[in-house]
PDB file of N, CA and C in Angstrom:
ATOM      1  N   UNK A   1      82.025 -11.231 -30.112  1.00  0.00           N
ATOM      2  CA  UNK A   1      81.683  -9.926 -29.578  1.00  0.00           C
ATOM      3  C   UNK A   1      80.027  -9.518 -29.731  1.00  0.00           C
ATOM      4  N   UNK A   2      79.535  -9.957 -30.970  1.00  0.00           N
ATOM      5  CA  UNK A   2      77.806 -10.027 -31.405  1.00  0.00           C
ATOM      6  C   UNK A   2      77.280 -10.596 -30.095  1.00  0.00           C
ATOM      7  N   UNK A   3      77.760 -11.547 -29.339  1.00  0.00           N
ATOM      8  CA  UNK A   3      76.960 -12.207 -28.354  1.00  0.00           C
ATOM      9  C   UNK A   3      77.009 -11.235 -27.148  1.00  0.00           C
ATOM     10  N   UNK A   4      77.883 -10.436 -26.845  1.00  0.00           N
ATOM     11  CA  UNK A   4      78.238  -9.454 -26.039  1.00  0.00           C
ATOM     12  C   UNK A   4      77.236  -8.431 -26.265  1.00  0.00           C
ATOM     13  N   UNK A   5      77.025  -8.176 -27.353  1.00  0.00           N
ATOM     14  CA  UNK A   5      76.034  -6.811 -27.746  1.00  0.00           C
ATOM     15  C   UNK A   5      74.440  -7.371 -27.959  1.00  0.00           C
ATOM     16  N   UNK A   6      74.231  -8.516 -27.614  1.00  0.00           N
ATOM     17  CA  UNK A   6      72.925  -9.222 -27.584  1.00  0.00           C
ATOM     18  C   UNK A   6      72.111  -8.506 -26.721  1.00  0.00           C
ATOM     19  N   UNK A   7      70.923  -7.785 -27.089  1.00  0.00           N
ATOM     20  CA  UNK A   7      69.701  -7.288 -26.072  1.00  0.00           C
ATOM     21  C   UNK A   7      69.498  -8.299 -25.109  1.00  0.00           C
ATOM     22  N   UNK A   8      68.895  -7.741 -23.773  1.00  0.00           N
ATOM     23  CA  UNK A   8      68.555  -8.914 -22.900  1.00  0.00           C
ATOM     24  C   UNK A   8      66.805  -9.021 -23.113  1.00  0.00           C
ATOM     25  N   UNK A   9      66.199 -10.208 -23.176  1.00  0.00           N
ATOM     26  CA  UNK A   9      65.116 -10.351 -23.252  1.00  0.00           C
ATOM     27  C   UNK A   9      64.131  -9.562 -22.250  1.00  0.00           C
ATOM     28  N   UNK A  10      63.141  -9.125 -22.675  1.00  0.00           N
ATOM     29  CA  UNK A  10      62.330  -8.868 -21.441  1.00  0.00           C
ATOM     30  C   UNK A  10      61.682  -9.749 -21.093  1.00  0.00           C
ATOM     31  N   UNK A  11      61.596 -10.464 -19.466  1.00  0.00           N
ATOM     32  CA  UNK A  11      61.000 -11.837 -19.325  1.00  0.00           C
ATOM     33  C   UNK A  11      60.005 -11.292 -18.561  1.00  0.00           C
ATOM     34  N   UNK A  12      58.734 -10.378 -19.017  1.00  0.00           N
ATOM     35  CA  UNK A  12      57.387 -10.250 -18.713  1.00  0.00           C
ATOM     36  C   UNK A  12      56.814 -10.690 -19.118  1.00  0.00           C
ATOM     37  N   UNK A  13      55.545 -11.458 -18.583  1.00  0.00           N
ATOM     38  CA  UNK A  13      54.375 -11.788 -19.381  1.00  0.00           C
ATOM     39  C   UNK A  13      53.197 -11.034 -19.173  1.00  0.00           C
ATOM     40  N   UNK A  14      52.235 -11.055 -19.895  1.00  0.00           N
ATOM     41  CA  UNK A  14      50.984 -10.574 -19.655  1.00  0.00           C
ATOM     42  C   UNK A  14      49.946 -11.534 -18.950  1.00  0.00           C
ATOM     43  N   UNK A  15      50.297 -12.810 -18.980  1.00  0.00           N
ATOM     44  CA  UNK A  15      49.420 -13.600 -18.482  1.00  0.00           C
ATOM     45  C   UNK A  15      49.803 -14.218 -16.902  1.00  0.00           C
ATOM     46  N   UNK A  16      48.827 -13.760 -16.011  1.00  0.00           N
ATOM     47  CA  UNK A  16      49.611 -14.105 -14.450  1.00  0.00           C
ATOM     48  C   UNK A  16      48.866 -15.422 -14.102  1.00  0.00           C
ATOM     49  N   UNK A  17      49.354 -15.862 -12.775  1.00  0.00           N
ATOM     50  CA  UNK A  17      49.021 -16.985 -12.276  1.00  0.00           C
ATOM     51  C   UNK A  17      47.452 -16.793 -11.762  1.00  0.00           C
ATOM     52  N   UNK A  18      46.667 -17.437 -11.800  1.00  0.00           N
ATOM     53  CA  UNK A  18      45.720 -17.580 -11.592  1.00  0.00           C
ATOM     54  C   UNK A  18      44.311 -17.212 -12.390  1.00  0.00           C
ATOM     55  N   UNK A  19      44.992 -16.627 -13.754  1.00  0.00           N
ATOM     56  CA  UNK A  19      44.356 -16.305 -14.843  1.00  0.00           C
ATOM     57  C   UNK A  19      43.688 -17.581 -15.643  1.00  0.00           C
ATOM     58  N   UNK A  20      42.406 -17.244 -16.021  1.00  0.00           N
ATOM     59  CA  UNK A  20      41.764 -18.375 -17.118  1.00  0.00           C
ATOM     60  C   UNK A  20      42.292 -18.032 -18.632  1.00  0.00           C
ATOM     61  N   UNK A  21      42.661 -19.213 -19.011  1.00  0.00           N
ATOM     62  CA  UNK A  21      43.023 -18.975 -20.218  1.00  0.00           C
ATOM     63  C   UNK A  21      42.500 -20.289 -21.467  1.00  0.00           C
ATOM     64  N   UNK A  22      42.465 -20.310 -22.575  1.00  0.00           N
ATOM     65  CA  UNK A  22      42.152 -20.973 -23.637  1.00  0.00           C
ATOM     66  C   UNK A  22      43.177 -21.223 -24.144  1.00  0.00           C
ATOM     67  N   UNK A  23      43.406 -22.412 -24.634  1.00  0.00           N
ATOM     68  CA  UNK A  23      44.504 -22.929 -25.686  1.00  0.00           C
ATOM     69  C   UNK A  23      44.086 -22.741 -26.900  1.00  0.00           C
ATOM     70  N   UNK A  24      44.985 -22.365 -27.839  1.00  0.00           N
ATOM     71  CA  UNK A  24      45.058 -21.803 -29.117  1.00  0.00           C
ATOM     72  C   UNK A  24      45.223 -22.981 -30.307  1.00  0.00           C
ATOM     73  N   UNK A  25      46.275 -23.703 -29.882  1.00  0.00           N
ATOM     74  CA  UNK A  25      46.450 -24.638 -30.929  1.00  0.00           C
ATOM     75  C   UNK A  25      47.110 -26.116 -29.950  1.00  0.00           C
ATOM     76  N   UNK A  26      47.762 -26.721 -30.604  1.00  0.00           N
ATOM     77  CA  UNK A  26      47.799 -28.030 -30.468  1.00  0.00           C
ATOM     78  C   UNK A  26      47.204 -29.167 -29.998  1.00  0.00           C
ATOM     79  N   UNK A  27      47.293 -30.102 -29.041  1.00  0.00           N
ATOM     80  CA  UNK A  27      46.218 -31.368 -28.835  1.00  0.00           C
ATOM     81  C   UNK A  27      45.582 -30.824 -28.354  1.00  0.00           C
ATOM     82  N   UNK A  28      45.484 -30.025 -27.242  1.00  0.00           N
ATOM     83  CA  UNK A  28      44.526 -29.619 -26.253  1.00  0.00           C
ATOM     84  C   UNK A  28      43.732 -28.405 -26.534  1.00  0.00           C
ATOM     85  N   UNK A  29      44.041 -28.047 -28.179  1.00  0.00           N
ATOM     86  CA  UNK A  29      43.166 -26.662 -28.601  1.00  0.00           C
ATOM     87  C   UNK A  29      41.392 -26.492 -28.078  1.00  0.00           C
ATOM     88  N   UNK A  30      41.496 -25.216 -27.472  1.00  0.00           N
ATOM     89  CA  UNK A  30      40.011 -24.978 -26.913  1.00  0.00           C
ATOM     90  C   UNK A  30      39.778 -25.533 -25.910  1.00  0.00           C
ATOM     91  N   UNK A  31      40.814 -26.018 -25.411  1.00  0.00           N
ATOM     92  CA  UNK A  31      40.661 -26.537 -23.627  1.00  0.00           C
ATOM     93  C   UNK A  31      40.926 -25.120 -22.845  1.00  0.00           C
ATOM     94  N   UNK A  32      39.986 -25.103 -21.941  1.00  0.00           N
ATOM     95  CA  UNK A  32      40.236 -23.665 -20.734  1.00  0.00           C
ATOM     96  C   UNK A  32      40.536 -24.337 -19.211  1.00  0.00           C
ATOM     97  N   UNK A  33      41.618 -23.724 -18.738  1.00  0.00           N
ATOM     98  CA  UNK A  33      42.225 -23.858 -17.278  1.00  0.00           C
ATOM     99  C   UNK A  33      42.780 -22.624 -17.070  1.00  0.00           C
ATOM    100  N   UNK A  34      42.585 -22.827 -15.830  1.00  0.00           N
ATOM    101  CA  UNK A  34      43.611 -22.094 -15.022  1.00  0.00           C
ATOM    102  C   UNK A  34      45.131 -22.036 -14.795  1.00  0.00           C
ATOM    103  N   UNK A  35      45.778 -20.868 -14.906  1.00  0.00           N
ATOM    104  CA  UNK A  35      47.130 -21.008 -15.002  1.00  0.00           C
ATOM    105  C   UNK A  35      47.924 -21.217 -13.555  1.00  0.00           C
ATOM    106  N   UNK A  36      48.306 -22.260 -13.714  1.00  0.00           N
ATOM    107  CA  UNK A  36      48.998 -22.652 -12.100  1.00  0.00           C
ATOM    108  C   UNK A  36      50.060 -21.964 -11.644  1.00  0.00           C
ATOM    109  N   UNK A  37      51.239 -21.804 -12.673  1.00  0.00           N
ATOM    110  CA  UNK A  37      52.152 -21.230 -12.321  1.00  0.00           C
ATOM    111  C   UNK A  37      53.091 -20.592 -13.870  1.00  0.00           C
ATOM    112  N   UNK A  38      53.764 -19.669 -13.498  1.00  0.00           N
ATOM    113  CA  UNK A  38      54.210 -18.772 -15.384  1.00  0.00           C
ATOM    114  C   UNK A  38      55.558 -19.199 -14.944  1.00  0.00           C
ATOM    115  N   UNK A  39      56.354 -19.376 -16.159  1.00  0.00           N
ATOM    116  CA  UNK A  39      57.912 -19.552 -16.158  1.00  0.00           C
ATOM    117  C   UNK A  39      58.412 -18.468 -16.783  1.00  0.00           C
ATOM    118  N   UNK A  40      58.407 -17.228 -16.603  1.00  0.00           N
ATOM    119  CA  UNK A  40      58.941 -16.221 -17.434  1.00  0.00           C
ATOM    120  C   UNK A  40      60.177 -16.374 -18.140  1.00  0.00           C
ATOM    121  N   UNK A  41      60.725 -17.207 -17.449  1.00  0.00           N
ATOM    122  CA  UNK A  41      62.394 -17.155 -18.376  1.00  0.00           C
ATOM    123  C   UNK A  41      62.407 -17.708 -19.534  1.00  0.00           C
ATOM    124  N   UNK A  42      61.404 -18.939 -19.311  1.00  0.00           N
ATOM    125  CA  UNK A  42      61.345 -19.644 -20.921  1.00  0.00           C
ATOM    126  C   UNK A  42      60.215 -19.568 -21.366  1.00  0.00           C
ATOM    127  N   UNK A  43      59.436 -18.443 -20.775  1.00  0.00           N
ATOM    128  CA  UNK A  43      58.373 -18.083 -21.835  1.00  0.00           C
ATOM    129  C   UNK A  43      57.104 -18.985 -21.991  1.00  0.00           C
ATOM    130  N   UNK A  44      56.752 -19.604 -20.677  1.00  0.00           N
ATOM    131  CA  UNK A  44      55.835 -20.713 -20.556  1.00  0.00           C
ATOM    132  C   UNK A  44      55.034 -20.704 -19.136  1.00  0.00           C
ATOM    133  N   UNK A  45      53.894 -21.194 -19.515  1.00  0.00           N
ATOM    134  CA  UNK A  45      52.857 -21.417 -18.585  1.00  0.00           C
ATOM    135  C   UNK A  45      52.513 -22.863 -18.428  1.00  0.00           C
ATOM    136  N   UNK A  46      51.683 -23.238 -16.883  1.00  0.00           N
ATOM    137  CA  UNK A  46      51.174 -24.236 -16.880  1.00  0.00           C
ATOM    138  C   UNK A  46      50.039 -24.028 -16.502  1.00  0.00           C
ATOM    139  N   UNK A  47      49.162 -25.033 -17.314  1.00  0.00           N
ATOM    140  CA  UNK A  47      47.670 -24.784 -17.169  1.00  0.00           C
ATOM    141  C   UNK A  47      47.254 -26.218 -16.776  1.00  0.00           C
ATOM    142  N   UNK A  48      46.031 -25.740 -16.009  1.00  0.00           N
ATOM    143  CA  UNK A  48      45.402 -26.773 -14.795  1.00  0.00           C
ATOM    144  C   UNK A  48      44.603 -27.675 -16.105  1.00  0.00           C
ATOM    145  N   UNK A  49      44.842 -29.196 -16.102  1.00  0.00           N
ATOM    146  CA  UNK A  49      44.165 -29.926 -17.076  1.00  0.00           C
ATOM    147  C   UNK A  49      44.708 -29.974 -18.969  1.00  0.00           C
ATOM    148  N   UNK A  50      45.772 -29.015 -18.932  1.00  0.00           N
ATOM    149  CA  UNK A  50      45.952 -28.890 -20.090  1.00  0.00           C
ATOM    150  C   UNK A  50      47.590 -29.720 -20.167  1.00  0.00           C
ATOM    151  N   UNK A  51      47.897 -30.362 -21.381  1.00  0.00           N
ATOM    152  CA  UNK A  51      49.162 -31.235 -21.915  1.00  0.00           C
ATOM    153  C   UNK A  51      49.392 -31.988 -20.843  1.00  0.00           C
ATOM    154  N   UNK A  52      48.609 -32.606 -20.535  1.00  0.00           N
ATOM    155  CA  UNK A  52      49.087 -34.046 -19.354  1.00  0.00           C
ATOM    156  C   UNK A  52      49.606 -34.968 -19.867  1.00  0.00           C
ATOM    157  N   UNK A  53      50.461 -35.281 -19.234  1.00  0.00           N
ATOM    158  CA  UNK A  53      51.396 -36.648 -19.458  1.00  0.00           C
ATOM    159  C   UNK A  53      51.550 -37.782 -18.152  1.00  0.00           C
ATOM    160  N   UNK A  54      51.812 -38.913 -18.314  1.00  0.00           N
ATOM    161  CA  UNK A  54      52.140 -39.964 -17.545  1.00  0.00           C
ATOM    162  C   UNK A  54      53.125 -39.888 -17.132  1.00  0.00           C
ATOM    163  N   UNK A  55      53.383 -39.784 -15.527  1.00  0.00           N
ATOM    164  CA  UNK A  55      55.002 -40.216 -15.203  1.00  0.00           C
ATOM    165  C   UNK A  55      54.874 -41.443 -14.424  1.00  0.00           C
ATOM    166  N   UNK A  56      55.768 -41.963 -14.739  1.00  0.00           N
ATOM    167  CA  UNK A  56      56.044 -43.538 -13.925  1.00  0.00           C
ATOM    168  C   UNK A  56      57.161 -42.926 -12.696  1.00  0.00           C
ATOM    169  N   UNK A  57      56.379 -43.284 -11.410  1.00  0.00           N
ATOM    170  CA  UNK A  57      57.317 -42.838 -10.406  1.00  0.00           C
ATOM    171  C   UNK A  57      57.652 -43.941  -9.584  1.00  0.00           C
ATOM    172  N   UNK A  58      58.639 -44.137  -9.070  1.00  0.00           N
ATOM    173  CA  UNK A  58      59.039 -45.104  -8.318  1.00  0.00           C
ATOM    174  C   UNK A  58      58.507 -44.711  -6.654  1.00  0.00           C
ATOM    175  N   UNK A  59      58.377 -45.770  -5.879  1.00  0.00           N
ATOM    176  CA  UNK A  59      58.028 -45.242  -4.411  1.00  0.00           C
ATOM    177  C   UNK A  59      59.233 -44.775  -3.567  1.00  0.00           C
ATOM    178  N   UNK A  60      58.563 -44.014  -2.917  1.00  0.00           N
ATOM    179  CA  UNK A  60      60.002 -43.215  -1.942  1.00  0.00           C
ATOM    180  C   UNK A  60      59.393 -43.454  -0.133  1.00  0.00           C
ATOM    181  N   UNK A  61      60.512 -42.733   0.305  1.00  0.00           N
ATOM    182  CA  UNK A  61      60.091 -42.930   2.015  1.00  0.00           C
ATOM    183  C   UNK A  61      58.534 -42.322   2.261  1.00  0.00           C
ATOM    184  N   UNK A  62      58.157 -40.817   1.005  1.00  0.00           N
ATOM    185  CA  UNK A  62      57.141 -40.237   1.521  1.00  0.00           C
ATOM    186  C   UNK A  62      56.014 -40.700   0.593  1.00  0.00           C
ATOM    187  N   UNK A  63      56.159 -41.097  -0.409  1.00  0.00           N
ATOM    188  CA  UNK A  63      55.157 -41.312  -1.515  1.00  0.00           C
ATOM    189  C   UNK A  63      55.348 -42.500  -1.776  1.00  0.00           C
ATOM    190  N   UNK A  64      53.732 -43.136  -2.281  1.00  0.00           N
ATOM    191  CA  UNK A  64      53.645 -44.530  -3.029  1.00  0.00           C
ATOM    192  C   UNK A  64      54.069 -44.141  -4.422  1.00  0.00           C
ATOM    193  N   UNK A  65      54.292 -45.346  -5.249  1.00  0.00           N
ATOM    194  CA  UNK A  65      54.752 -45.332  -6.391  1.00  0.00           C
ATOM    195  C   UNK A  65      53.693 -45.338  -7.289  1.00  0.00           C
ATOM    196  N   UNK A  66      53.998 -45.989  -8.731  1.00  0.00           N
ATOM    197  CA  UNK A  66      52.640 -45.893  -9.639  1.00  0.00           C
ATOM    198  C   UNK A  66      53.029 -44.914 -10.847  1.00  0.00           C
ATOM    199  N   UNK A  67      51.752 -44.791 -11.608  1.00  0.00           N
ATOM    200  CA  UNK A  67      51.969 -43.921 -12.440  1.00  0.00           C
ATOM    201  C   UNK A  67      50.866 -42.423 -12.231  1.00  0.00           C
ATOM    202  N   UNK A  68      51.318 -41.307 -12.146  1.00  0.00           N
ATOM    203  CA  UNK A  68      50.768 -40.716 -11.841  1.00  0.00           C
ATOM    204  C   UNK A  68      50.760 -39.374 -13.423  1.00  0.00           C
ATOM    205  N   UNK A  69      49.582 -38.775 -13.041  1.00  0.00           N
ATOM    206  CA  UNK A  69      49.408 -37.439 -14.280  1.00  0.00           C
ATOM    207  C   UNK A  69      50.122 -36.339 -13.829  1.00  0.00           C
ATOM    208  N   UNK A  70      50.655 -35.577 -14.532  1.00  0.00           N
ATOM    209  CA  UNK A  70      50.789 -34.173 -14.301  1.00  0.00           C
ATOM    210  C   UNK A  70      50.916 -33.447 -15.361  1.00  0.00           C
ATOM    211  N   UNK A  71      50.969 -31.886 -15.415  1.00  0.00           N
ATOM    212  CA  UNK A  71      50.702 -31.061 -16.564  1.00  0.00           C
ATOM    213  C   UNK A  71      52.408 -30.703 -16.972  1.00  0.00           C
ATOM    214  N   UNK A  72      52.535 -30.517 -18.069  1.00  0.00           N
ATOM    215  CA  UNK A  72      53.659 -29.890 -18.626  1.00  0.00           C
ATOM    216  C   UNK A  72      53.612 -28.497 -18.764  1.00  0.00           C
ATOM    217  N   UNK A  73      54.371 -27.743 -19.306  1.00  0.00           N
ATOM    218  CA  UNK A  73      54.573 -26.687 -19.515  1.00  0.00           C
ATOM    219  C   UNK A  73      53.872 -26.263 -21.024  1.00  0.00           C
ATOM    220  N   UNK A  74      53.213 -25.092 -21.234  1.00  0.00           N
ATOM    221  CA  UNK A  74      52.677 -24.738 -22.714  1.00  0.00           C
ATOM    222  C   UNK A  74      53.129 -23.306 -23.004  1.00  0.00           C
ATOM    223  N   UNK A  75      53.912 -23.380 -24.180  1.00  0.00           N
ATOM    224  CA  UNK A  75      54.392 -21.668 -24.744  1.00  0.00           C
ATOM    225  C   UNK A  75      53.342 -20.649 -24.612  1.00  0.00           C
ATOM    226  N   UNK A  76      53.399 -19.426 -23.861  1.00  0.00           N
ATOM    227  CA  UNK A  76      52.644 -18.640 -23.718  1.00  0.00           C
ATOM    228  C   UNK A  76      51.972 -18.026 -25.343  1.00  0.00           C
ATOM    229  N   UNK A  77      52.754 -18.186 -26.126  1.00  0.00           N
ATOM    230  CA  UNK A  77      51.802 -17.782 -27.545  1.00  0.00           C
ATOM    231  C   UNK A  77      50.880 -18.816 -28.068  1.00  0.00           C
ATOM    232  N   UNK A  78      50.786 -20.013 -27.384  1.00  0.00           N
ATOM    233  CA  UNK A  78      49.644 -20.852 -27.457  1.00  0.00           C
ATOM    234  C   UNK A  78      48.541 -20.760 -26.638  1.00  0.00           C
ATOM    235  N   UNK A  79      48.461 -20.043 -25.818  1.00  0.00           N
ATOM    236  CA  UNK A  79      47.061 -19.585 -25.083  1.00  0.00           C
ATOM    237  C   UNK A  79      46.906 -18.079 -25.088  1.00  0.00           C
ATOM    238  N   UNK A  80      45.686 -17.901 -24.615  1.00  0.00           N
ATOM    239  CA  UNK A  80      45.175 -16.506 -24.619  1.00  0.00           C
ATOM    240  C   UNK A  80      44.137 -16.429 -23.528  1.00  0.00           C
ATOM    241  N   UNK A  81      44.159 -15.199 -22.927  1.00  0.00           N
ATOM    242  CA  UNK A  81      43.408 -14.983 -21.922  1.00  0.00           C
ATOM    243  C   UNK A  81      41.928 -15.093 -22.084  1.00  0.00           C
ATOM    244  N   UNK A  82      40.970 -15.769 -21.459  1.00  0.00           N
ATOM    245  CA  UNK A  82      40.011 -16.134 -21.519  1.00  0.00           C
ATOM    246  C   UNK A  82      39.024 -14.691 -21.160  1.00  0.00           C
ATOM    247  N   UNK A  83      38.226 -13.912 -21.971  1.00  0.00           N
ATOM    248  CA  UNK A  83      37.851 -12.574 -22.114  1.00  0.00           C
ATOM    249  C   UNK A  83      36.292 -12.520 -20.884  1.00  0.00           C
ATOM    250  N   UNK A  84      36.560 -11.818 -19.652  1.00  0.00           N
ATOM    251  CA  UNK A  84      35.651 -11.955 -18.737  1.00  0.00           C
ATOM    252  C   UNK A  84      34.639 -11.870 -19.035  1.00  0.00           C
ATOM    253  N   UNK A  85      33.948 -10.886 -20.486  1.00  0.00           N
ATOM    254  CA  UNK A  85      32.570 -10.941 -20.447  1.00  0.00           C
ATOM    255  C   UNK A  85      31.801 -11.934 -21.443  1.00  0.00           C
ATOM    256  N   UNK A  86      32.831 -12.654 -22.194  1.00  0.00           N
ATOM    257  CA  UNK A  86      32.262 -12.933 -23.395  1.00  0.00           C
ATOM    258  C   UNK A  86      32.761 -14.637 -23.461  1.00  0.00           C
ATOM    259  N   UNK A  87      33.731 -14.668 -22.477  1.00  0.00           N
ATOM    260  CA  UNK A  87      34.521 -16.110 -22.332  1.00  0.00           C
ATOM    261  C   UNK A  87      35.315 -16.513 -23.834  1.00  0.00           C
ATOM    262  N   UNK A  88      35.699 -15.799 -24.121  1.00  0.00           N
ATOM    263  CA  UNK A  88      36.347 -15.686 -25.992  1.00  0.00           C
ATOM    264  C   UNK A  88      37.757 -15.439 -25.776  1.00  0.00           C
ATOM    265  N   UNK A  89      38.637 -15.961 -26.522  1.00  0.00           N
ATOM    266  CA  UNK A  89      40.110 -15.605 -26.469  1.00  0.00           C
ATOM    267  C   UNK A  89      40.047 -14.373 -26.473  1.00  0.00           C
ATOM    268  N   UNK A  90      40.894 -13.532 -25.699  1.00  0.00           N
ATOM    269  CA  UNK A  90      41.255 -12.288 -25.883  1.00  0.00           C
ATOM    270  C   UNK A  90      43.019 -11.383 -25.957  1.00  0.00           C
ATOM    271  N   UNK A  91      43.536 -10.532 -26.303  1.00  0.00           N
ATOM    272  CA  UNK A  91      44.624 -10.074 -26.122  1.00  0.00           C
ATOM    273  C   UNK A  91      44.287  -9.200 -25.108  1.00  0.00           C
ATOM    274  N   UNK A  92      45.522  -9.086 -24.266  1.00  0.00           N
ATOM    275  CA  UNK A  92      45.866  -8.263 -22.956  1.00  0.00           C
ATOM    276  C   UNK A  92      46.554  -6.871 -23.312  1.00  0.00           C
ATOM    277  N   UNK A  93      46.092  -6.069 -22.910  1.00  0.00           N
ATOM    278  CA  UNK A  93      46.634  -4.340 -22.695  1.00  0.00           C
ATOM    279  C   UNK A  93      46.354  -3.625 -21.602  1.00  0.00           C
ATOM    280  N   UNK A  94      47.209  -2.736 -21.289  1.00  0.00           N
ATOM    281  CA  UNK A  94      47.262  -1.864 -20.738  1.00  0.00           C
ATOM    282  C   UNK A  94      46.880  -0.522 -20.392  1.00  0.00           C
ATOM    283  N   UNK A  95      46.200   0.046 -19.399  1.00  0.00           N
ATOM    284  CA  UNK A  95      45.802   1.056 -19.223  1.00  0.00           C
ATOM    285  C   UNK A  95      46.399   1.838 -17.796  1.00  0.00           C
ATOM    286  N   UNK A  96      46.087   3.145 -17.812  1.00  0.00           N
ATOM    287  CA  UNK A  96      46.254   3.568 -16.593  1.00  0.00           C
ATOM    288  C   UNK A  96      45.230   4.090 -16.045  1.00  0.00           C
ATOM    289  N   UNK A  97      44.367   4.168 -14.809  1.00  0.00           N
ATOM    290  CA  UNK A  97      43.488   4.466 -14.168  1.00  0.00           C
ATOM    291  C   UNK A  97      43.516   6.081 -13.723  1.00  0.00           C
ATOM    292  N   UNK A  98      42.382   6.429 -13.744  1.00  0.00           N
ATOM    293  CA  UNK A  98      42.361   8.255 -12.999  1.00  0.00           C
ATOM    294  C   UNK A  98      43.266   8.336 -11.482  1.00  0.00           C
ATOM    295  N   UNK A  99      43.255   7.327 -10.945  1.00  0.00           N
ATOM    296  CA  UNK A  99      44.101   7.030  -9.993  1.00  0.00           C
ATOM    297  C   UNK A  99      45.438   7.243  -9.735  1.00  0.00           C
ATOM    298  N   UNK A 100      45.898   6.544 -11.130  1.00  0.00           N
ATOM    299  CA  UNK A 100      47.331   6.219 -11.286  1.00  0.00           C
ATOM    300  C   UNK A 100      47.601   5.055 -11.438  1.00  0.00           C
ATOM    301  N   UNK A 101      46.989   3.826 -11.037  1.00  0.00           N
ATOM    302  CA  UNK A 101      47.008   2.894 -11.071  1.00  0.00           C
ATOM    303  C   UNK A 101      47.305   1.898 -12.886  1.00  0.00           C
ATOM    304  N   UNK A 102      48.392   1.302 -12.864  1.00  0.00           N
ATOM    305  CA  UNK A 102      48.123   0.328 -14.188  1.00  0.00           C
ATOM    306  C   UNK A 102      47.486  -0.765 -14.078  1.00  0.00           C
ATOM    307  N   UNK A 103      46.716  -1.173 -14.896  1.00  0.00           N
ATOM    308  CA  UNK A 103      45.795  -2.302 -14.846  1.00  0.00           C
ATOM    309  C   UNK A 103      45.961  -2.962 -16.285  1.00  0.00           C
ATOM    310  N   UNK A 104      45.437  -4.188 -16.034  1.00  0.00           N
ATOM    311  CA  UNK A 104      45.026  -4.954 -17.502  1.00  0.00           C
ATOM    312  C   UNK A 104      44.017  -5.070 -18.097  1.00  0.00           C
ATOM    313  N   UNK A 105      44.058  -4.785 -18.851  1.00  0.00           N
ATOM    314  CA  UNK A 105      42.450  -4.669 -20.107  1.00  0.00           C
ATOM    315  C   UNK A 105      42.459  -5.568 -21.318  1.00  0.00           C
ATOM    316  N   UNK A 106      41.200  -6.466 -21.451  1.00  0.00           N
ATOM    317  CA  UNK A 106      41.083  -7.323 -22.130  1.00  0.00           C
ATOM    318  C   UNK A 106      40.471  -6.735 -23.665  1.00  0.00           C
ATOM    319  N   UNK A 107      41.518  -6.835 -24.927  1.00  0.00           N
ATOM    320  CA  UNK A 107      41.447  -6.150 -25.902  1.00  0.00           C
ATOM    321  C   UNK A 107      39.912  -5.993 -26.443  1.00  0.00           C
ATOM    322  N   UNK A 108      39.216  -7.089 -26.239  1.00  0.00           N
ATOM    323  CA  UNK A 108      37.962  -7.630 -26.946  1.00  0.00           C
ATOM    324  C   UNK A 108      36.664  -6.538 -26.519  1.00  0.00           C
ATOM    325  N   UNK A 109      36.762  -6.798 -25.602  1.00  0.00           N
ATOM    326  CA  UNK A 109      35.487  -5.797 -24.136  1.00  0.00           C
ATOM    327  C   UNK A 109      36.032  -4.840 -23.933  1.00  0.00           C
ATOM    328  N   UNK A 110      37.138  -4.396 -23.788  1.00  0.00           N
ATOM    329  CA  UNK A 110      37.480  -3.460 -23.044  1.00  0.00           C
ATOM    330  C   UNK A 110      37.373  -3.338 -20.964  1.00  0.00           C
ATOM    331  N   UNK A 111      37.187  -4.784 -21.075  1.00  0.00           N
ATOM    332  CA  UNK A 111      36.738  -5.080 -19.397  1.00  0.00           C
ATOM    333  C   UNK A 111      38.380  -4.822 -18.559  1.00  0.00           C
ATOM    334  N   UNK A 112      38.445  -4.629 -17.545  1.00  0.00           N
ATOM    335  CA  UNK A 112      39.713  -5.018 -16.559  1.00  0.00           C
ATOM    336  C   UNK A 112      39.571  -6.342 -15.934  1.00  0.00           C
ATOM    337  N   UNK A 113      40.757  -6.728 -16.380  1.00  0.00           N
ATOM    338  CA  UNK A 113      41.255  -8.105 -15.637  1.00  0.00           C
ATOM    339  C   UNK A 113      41.757  -7.869 -14.183  1.00  0.00           C
ATOM    340  N   UNK A 114      41.363  -8.723 -13.399  1.00  0.00           N
ATOM    341  CA  UNK A 114      41.781  -8.676 -12.183  1.00  0.00           C
ATOM    342  C   UNK A 114      43.053  -9.535 -11.953  1.00  0.00           C
TER     343      UNK A 114
END
């Protein structure tokens, strides 16, 4: 019965596809890259050029085989949005504009994030 009463976790990320992020921890600490894909259910993101692994691919009818590099996902808590003004890691907040539109805001500089 305890499992039936568990709250559903809100699967919303403050980091979106196309954002520039900075890696905070791990083997790629300090690396910057663009978010290629978000996985809200797992709370993970795939960042271009970060967490690279080599995959041995068998040849198929459509592609040649060999060793290929690909990005694996990284947990969203290990990345931070790059501040548009200073290019440093920042947290993300929300604010409402005068016309009623809700926008994301960088906490460090107060700049809006597109």
